[in-house]
Amino acid sequence: MGAIVLEALLPLGIIAGMLCVMGNAQYYIHKAAHGRPKHIGNDMWDVAMERRDKKIVEQVAAPRN
């Protein structure tokens, strides 16, 4: 049973490590290209989600007839 657990943990550890590396790689690539870290909330996805959230809040707050 112990061998099965070790056999399963190795790929999970590799996957977890790669996810961490990919997240940090984006930071360092952007910093190398632009000389400073990316500002949070300053890309197309963040702007679109902010617009969507604002529209939803306005719809909920609007008086219903």
PDB file of N, CA and C in Angstrom:
ATOM      1  N   MET A   1       0.821  -1.194   0.000  1.00  0.00           N
ATOM      2  CA  MET A   1       0.000   0.000   0.000  1.00  0.00           C
ATOM      3  C   MET A   1       0.867   1.262   0.000  1.00  0.00           C
ATOM      4  N   GLY A   2       1.973   1.238   0.701  1.00  0.00           N
ATOM      5  CA  GLY A   2       2.858   2.398   0.764  1.00  0.00           C
ATOM      6  C   GLY A   2       3.447   2.744  -0.594  1.00  0.00           C
ATOM      7  N   ALA A   3       3.725   1.718  -1.406  1.00  0.00           N
ATOM      8  CA  ALA A   3       4.280   1.969  -2.735  1.00  0.00           C
ATOM      9  C   ALA A   3       3.265   2.672  -3.630  1.00  0.00           C
ATOM     10  N   ILE A   4       1.988   2.327  -3.465  1.00  0.00           N
ATOM     11  CA  ILE A   4       0.952   2.964  -4.284  1.00  0.00           C
ATOM     12  C   ILE A   4       0.846   4.452  -3.925  1.00  0.00           C
ATOM     13  N   VAL A   5       0.924   4.746  -2.637  1.00  0.00           N
ATOM     14  CA  VAL A   5       0.846   6.138  -2.199  1.00  0.00           C
ATOM     15  C   VAL A   5       2.037   6.921  -2.742  1.00  0.00           C
ATOM     16  N   LEU A   6       3.232   6.361  -2.651  1.00  0.00           N
ATOM     17  CA  LEU A   6       4.414   7.036  -3.177  1.00  0.00           C
ATOM     18  C   LEU A   6       4.326   7.197  -4.688  1.00  0.00           C
ATOM     19  N   GLU A   7       3.778   6.197  -5.347  1.00  0.00           N
ATOM     20  CA  GLU A   7       3.630   6.253  -6.795  1.00  0.00           C
ATOM     21  C   GLU A   7       2.658   7.367  -7.202  1.00  0.00           C
ATOM     22  N   ALA A   8       1.662   7.645  -6.385  1.00  0.00           N
ATOM     23  CA  ALA A   8       0.691   8.694  -6.685  1.00  0.00           C
ATOM     24  C   ALA A   8       1.221  10.071  -6.286  1.00  0.00           C
ATOM     25  N   LEU A   9       2.006  10.151  -5.222  1.00  0.00           N
ATOM     26  CA  LEU A   9       2.482  11.438  -4.738  1.00  0.00           C
ATOM     27  C   LEU A   9       3.520  12.074  -5.660  1.00  0.00           C
ATOM     28  N   LEU A  10       4.325  11.277  -6.314  1.00  0.00           N
ATOM     29  CA  LEU A  10       5.355  11.824  -7.187  1.00  0.00           C
ATOM     30  C   LEU A  10       4.757  12.658  -8.324  1.00  0.00           C
ATOM     31  N   PRO A  11       3.798  12.136  -9.098  1.00  0.00           N
ATOM     32  CA  PRO A  11       3.214  12.979 -10.149  1.00  0.00           C
ATOM     33  C   PRO A  11       2.480  14.200  -9.591  1.00  0.00           C
ATOM     34  N   LEU A  12       1.818  14.039  -8.447  1.00  0.00           N
ATOM     35  CA  LEU A  12       1.126  15.184  -7.851  1.00  0.00           C
ATOM     36  C   LEU A  12       2.124  16.260  -7.423  1.00  0.00           C
ATOM     37  N   GLY A  13       3.250  15.848  -6.903  1.00  0.00           N
ATOM     38  CA  GLY A  13       4.292  16.802  -6.530  1.00  0.00           C
ATOM     39  C   GLY A  13       4.856  17.519  -7.741  1.00  0.00           C
ATOM     40  N   ILE A  14       5.045  16.790  -8.829  1.00  0.00           N
ATOM     41  CA  ILE A  14       5.552  17.398 -10.061  1.00  0.00           C
ATOM     42  C   ILE A  14       4.545  18.415 -10.591  1.00  0.00           C
ATOM     43  N   ILE A  15       3.268  18.054 -10.610  1.00  0.00           N
ATOM     44  CA  ILE A  15       2.225  18.965 -11.094  1.00  0.00           C
ATOM     45  C   ILE A  15       2.162  20.215 -10.223  1.00  0.00           C
ATOM     46  N   ALA A  16       2.184  20.050  -8.909  1.00  0.00           N
ATOM     47  CA  ALA A  16       2.131  21.198  -8.003  1.00  0.00           C
ATOM     48  C   ALA A  16       3.343  22.104  -8.203  1.00  0.00           C
ATOM     49  N   GLY A  17       4.494  21.510  -8.361  1.00  0.00           N
ATOM     50  CA  GLY A  17       5.705  22.296  -8.594  1.00  0.00           C
ATOM     51  C   GLY A  17       5.630  23.088  -9.888  1.00  0.00           C
ATOM     52  N   MET A  18       5.117  22.460 -10.943  1.00  0.00           N
ATOM     53  CA  MET A  18       5.000  23.143 -12.226  1.00  0.00           C
ATOM     54  C   MET A  18       4.004  24.307 -12.158  1.00  0.00           C
ATOM     55  N   LEU A  19       2.908  24.133 -11.426  1.00  0.00           N
ATOM     56  CA  LEU A  19       1.949  25.233 -11.268  1.00  0.00           C
ATOM     57  C   LEU A  19       2.601  26.421 -10.565  1.00  0.00           C
ATOM     58  N   CYS A  20       3.402  26.140  -9.553  1.00  0.00           N
ATOM     59  CA  CYS A  20       4.100  27.221  -8.850  1.00  0.00           C
ATOM     60  C   CYS A  20       5.103  27.904  -9.775  1.00  0.00           C
ATOM     61  N   VAL A  21       5.836  27.112 -10.555  1.00  0.00           N
ATOM     62  CA  VAL A  21       6.832  27.674 -11.470  1.00  0.00           C
ATOM     63  C   VAL A  21       6.158  28.528 -12.532  1.00  0.00           C
ATOM     64  N   MET A  22       5.026  28.072 -13.078  1.00  0.00           N
ATOM     65  CA  MET A  22       4.344  28.834 -14.126  1.00  0.00           C
ATOM     66  C   MET A  22       3.839  30.175 -13.593  1.00  0.00           C
ATOM     67  N   GLY A  23       3.311  30.194 -12.390  1.00  0.00           N
ATOM     68  CA  GLY A  23       2.834  31.447 -11.815  1.00  0.00           C
ATOM     69  C   GLY A  23       3.966  32.433 -11.600  1.00  0.00           C
ATOM     70  N   ASN A  24       5.074  31.948 -11.100  1.00  0.00           N
ATOM     71  CA  ASN A  24       6.217  32.831 -10.879  1.00  0.00           C
ATOM     72  C   ASN A  24       6.864  33.239 -12.186  1.00  0.00           C
ATOM     73  N   ALA A  25       6.822  32.372 -13.193  1.00  0.00           N
ATOM     74  CA  ALA A  25       7.423  32.693 -14.485  1.00  0.00           C
ATOM     75  C   ALA A  25       6.726  33.891 -15.115  1.00  0.00           C
ATOM     76  N   GLN A  26       5.402  33.969 -15.013  1.00  0.00           N
ATOM     77  CA  GLN A  26       4.677  35.115 -15.566  1.00  0.00           C
ATOM     78  C   GLN A  26       5.155  36.409 -14.920  1.00  0.00           C
ATOM     79  N   TYR A  27       5.341  36.382 -13.617  1.00  0.00           N
ATOM     80  CA  TYR A  27       5.800  37.576 -12.895  1.00  0.00           C
ATOM     81  C   TYR A  27       7.176  38.008 -13.387  1.00  0.00           C
ATOM     82  N   TYR A  28       8.125  37.061 -13.457  1.00  0.00           N
ATOM     83  CA  TYR A  28       9.489  37.404 -13.828  1.00  0.00           C
ATOM     84  C   TYR A  28       9.601  37.796 -15.298  1.00  0.00           C
ATOM     85  N   ILE A  29       8.828  37.166 -16.182  1.00  0.00           N
ATOM     86  CA  ILE A  29       8.850  37.542 -17.597  1.00  0.00           C
ATOM     87  C   ILE A  29       8.321  38.955 -17.771  1.00  0.00           C
ATOM     88  N   HIS A  30       7.217  39.275 -17.111  1.00  0.00           N
ATOM     89  CA  HIS A  30       6.654  40.621 -17.224  1.00  0.00           C
ATOM     90  C   HIS A  30       7.614  41.649 -16.639  1.00  0.00           C
ATOM     91  N   LYS A  31       8.227  41.309 -15.512  1.00  0.00           N
ATOM     92  CA  LYS A  31       9.165  42.235 -14.873  1.00  0.00           C
ATOM     93  C   LYS A  31      10.389  42.451 -15.754  1.00  0.00           C
ATOM     94  N   ALA A  32      10.873  41.392 -16.406  1.00  0.00           N
ATOM     95  CA  ALA A  32      12.026  41.526 -17.290  1.00  0.00           C
ATOM     96  C   ALA A  32      11.686  42.346 -18.529  1.00  0.00           C
ATOM     97  N   ALA A  33      10.479  42.167 -19.052  1.00  0.00           N
ATOM     98  CA  ALA A  33      10.081  42.867 -20.273  1.00  0.00           C
ATOM     99  C   ALA A  33       9.777  44.340 -20.020  1.00  0.00           C
ATOM    100  N   HIS A  34       9.183  44.657 -18.880  1.00  0.00           N
ATOM    101  CA  HIS A  34       8.716  46.016 -18.631  1.00  0.00           C
ATOM    102  C   HIS A  34       9.476  46.739 -17.527  1.00  0.00           C
ATOM    103  N   GLY A  35      10.312  46.021 -16.799  1.00  0.00           N
ATOM    104  CA  GLY A  35      11.104  46.653 -15.751  1.00  0.00           C
ATOM    105  C   GLY A  35      10.383  46.845 -14.436  1.00  0.00           C
ATOM    106  N   ARG A  36       9.142  46.422 -14.360  1.00  0.00           N
ATOM    107  CA  ARG A  36       8.382  46.548 -13.110  1.00  0.00           C
ATOM    108  C   ARG A  36       7.307  45.465 -13.099  1.00  0.00           C
ATOM    109  N   PRO A  37       6.831  45.098 -11.919  1.00  0.00           N
ATOM    110  CA  PRO A  37       5.780  44.074 -11.855  1.00  0.00           C
ATOM    111  C   PRO A  37       4.468  44.582 -12.452  1.00  0.00           C
ATOM    112  N   LYS A  38       3.637  43.640 -12.873  1.00  0.00           N
ATOM    113  CA  LYS A  38       2.325  43.966 -13.429  1.00  0.00           C
ATOM    114  C   LYS A  38       1.444  44.543 -12.333  1.00  0.00           C
ATOM    115  N   HIS A  39       0.724  45.599 -12.677  1.00  0.00           N
ATOM    116  CA  HIS A  39      -0.223  46.169 -11.735  1.00  0.00           C
ATOM    117  C   HIS A  39      -1.442  45.272 -11.652  1.00  0.00           C
ATOM    118  N   ILE A  40      -1.922  45.027 -10.468  1.00  0.00           N
ATOM    119  CA  ILE A  40      -3.087  44.170 -10.264  1.00  0.00           C
ATOM    120  C   ILE A  40      -4.328  44.903 -10.768  1.00  0.00           C
ATOM    121  N   GLY A  41      -5.179  44.198 -11.467  1.00  0.00           N
ATOM    122  CA  GLY A  41      -6.420  44.777 -11.953  1.00  0.00           C
ATOM    123  C   GLY A  41      -6.238  45.650 -13.183  1.00  0.00           C
ATOM    124  N   ASN A  42      -5.166  45.422 -13.932  1.00  0.00           N
ATOM    125  CA  ASN A  42      -4.876  46.300 -15.054  1.00  0.00           C
ATOM    126  C   ASN A  42      -4.810  45.554 -16.390  1.00  0.00           C
ATOM    127  N   ASP A  43      -5.410  44.389 -16.486  1.00  0.00           N
ATOM    128  CA  ASP A  43      -5.437  43.717 -17.780  1.00  0.00           C
ATOM    129  C   ASP A  43      -6.882  43.588 -18.261  1.00  0.00           C
ATOM    130  N   MET A  44      -7.060  43.103 -19.481  1.00  0.00           N
ATOM    131  CA  MET A  44      -8.388  43.077 -20.098  1.00  0.00           C
ATOM    132  C   MET A  44      -9.374  42.240 -19.281  1.00  0.00           C
ATOM    133  N   TRP A  45      -8.923  41.120 -18.739  1.00  0.00           N
ATOM    134  CA  TRP A  45      -9.809  40.248 -17.971  1.00  0.00           C
ATOM    135  C   TRP A  45     -10.300  40.965 -16.714  1.00  0.00           C
ATOM    136  N   ASP A  46      -9.376  41.596 -15.986  1.00  0.00           N
ATOM    137  CA  ASP A  46      -9.755  42.297 -14.755  1.00  0.00           C
ATOM    138  C   ASP A  46     -10.725  43.433 -15.035  1.00  0.00           C
ATOM    139  N   VAL A  47     -10.485  44.169 -16.114  1.00  0.00           N
ATOM    140  CA  VAL A  47     -11.363  45.285 -16.471  1.00  0.00           C
ATOM    141  C   VAL A  47     -12.753  44.764 -16.847  1.00  0.00           C
ATOM    142  N   ALA A  48     -12.788  43.668 -17.623  1.00  0.00           N
ATOM    143  CA  ALA A  48     -14.077  43.092 -18.029  1.00  0.00           C
ATOM    144  C   ALA A  48     -14.852  42.583 -16.813  1.00  0.00           C
ATOM    145  N   MET A  49     -14.180  41.938 -15.877  1.00  0.00           N
ATOM    146  CA  MET A  49     -14.860  41.425 -14.687  1.00  0.00           C
ATOM    147  C   MET A  49     -15.336  42.575 -13.795  1.00  0.00           C
ATOM    148  N   GLU A  50     -14.579  43.641 -13.728  1.00  0.00           N
ATOM    149  CA  GLU A  50     -15.000  44.808 -12.947  1.00  0.00           C
ATOM    150  C   GLU A  50     -16.262  45.424 -13.542  1.00  0.00           C
ATOM    151  N   ARG A  51     -16.298  45.516 -14.880  1.00  0.00           N
ATOM    152  CA  ARG A  51     -17.483  46.042 -15.566  1.00  0.00           C
ATOM    153  C   ARG A  51     -18.693  45.150 -15.322  1.00  0.00           C
ATOM    154  N   ARG A  52     -18.483  43.837 -15.416  1.00  0.00           N
ATOM    155  CA  ARG A  52     -19.573  42.883 -15.191  1.00  0.00           C
ATOM    156  C   ARG A  52     -20.097  42.991 -13.764  1.00  0.00           C
ATOM    157  N   ASP A  53     -19.185  43.051 -12.795  1.00  0.00           N
ATOM    158  CA  ASP A  53     -19.594  43.153 -11.391  1.00  0.00           C
ATOM    159  C   ASP A  53     -20.377  44.434 -11.133  1.00  0.00           C
ATOM    160  N   LYS A  54     -19.926  45.538 -11.734  1.00  0.00           N
ATOM    161  CA  LYS A  54     -20.621  46.811 -11.551  1.00  0.00           C
ATOM    162  C   LYS A  54     -22.033  46.741 -12.124  1.00  0.00           C
ATOM    163  N   LYS A  55     -22.184  46.101 -13.294  1.00  0.00           N
ATOM    164  CA  LYS A  55     -23.501  45.974 -13.912  1.00  0.00           C
ATOM    165  C   LYS A  55     -24.429  45.117 -13.056  1.00  0.00           C
ATOM    166  N   ILE A  56     -23.894  44.039 -12.485  1.00  0.00           N
ATOM    167  CA  ILE A  56     -24.708  43.153 -11.636  1.00  0.00           C
ATOM    168  C   ILE A  56     -25.159  43.889 -10.384  1.00  0.00           C
ATOM    169  N   VAL A  57     -24.261  44.645  -9.760  1.00  0.00           N
ATOM    170  CA  VAL A  57     -24.608  45.396  -8.551  1.00  0.00           C
ATOM    171  C   VAL A  57     -25.674  46.437  -8.864  1.00  0.00           C
ATOM    172  N   GLU A  58     -25.551  47.109 -10.016  1.00  0.00           N
ATOM    173  CA  GLU A  58     -26.557  48.105 -10.396  1.00  0.00           C
ATOM    174  C   GLU A  58     -27.912  47.457 -10.644  1.00  0.00           C
ATOM    175  N   GLN A  59     -27.920  46.265 -11.249  1.00  0.00           N
ATOM    176  CA  GLN A  59     -29.188  45.566 -11.510  1.00  0.00           C
ATOM    177  C   GLN A  59     -29.869  45.145 -10.213  1.00  0.00           C
ATOM    178  N   VAL A  60     -29.080  44.701  -9.259  1.00  0.00           N
ATOM    179  CA  VAL A  60     -29.635  44.270  -7.974  1.00  0.00           C
ATOM    180  C   VAL A  60     -30.132  45.470  -7.183  1.00  0.00           C
ATOM    181  N   ALA A  61     -29.433  46.585  -7.263  1.00  0.00           N
ATOM    182  CA  ALA A  61     -29.814  47.765  -6.491  1.00  0.00           C
ATOM    183  C   ALA A  61     -30.962  48.544  -7.121  1.00  0.00           C
ATOM    184  N   ALA A  62     -31.232  48.297  -8.394  1.00  0.00           N
ATOM    185  CA  ALA A  62     -32.309  49.039  -9.077  1.00  0.00           C
ATOM    186  C   ALA A  62     -33.665  48.632  -8.487  1.00  0.00           C
ATOM    187  N   PRO A  63     -34.551  49.613  -8.337  1.00  0.00           N
ATOM    188  CA  PRO A  63     -35.894  49.291  -7.799  1.00  0.00           C
ATOM    189  C   PRO A  63     -36.672  48.438  -8.793  1.00  0.00           C
ATOM    190  N   ARG A  64     -37.356  47.452  -8.278  1.00  0.00           N
ATOM    191  CA  ARG A  64     -38.143  46.557  -9.139  1.00  0.00           C
ATOM    192  C   ARG A  64     -39.610  46.960  -9.081  1.00  0.00           C
ATOM    193  N   ASN A  65     -40.276  46.862 -10.208  1.00  0.00           N
ATOM    194  CA  ASN A  65     -41.694  47.220 -10.284  1.00  0.00           C
ATOM    195  C   ASN A  65     -42.556  45.989 -10.281  1.00  0.00           C
TER     196      ASN A  65
END
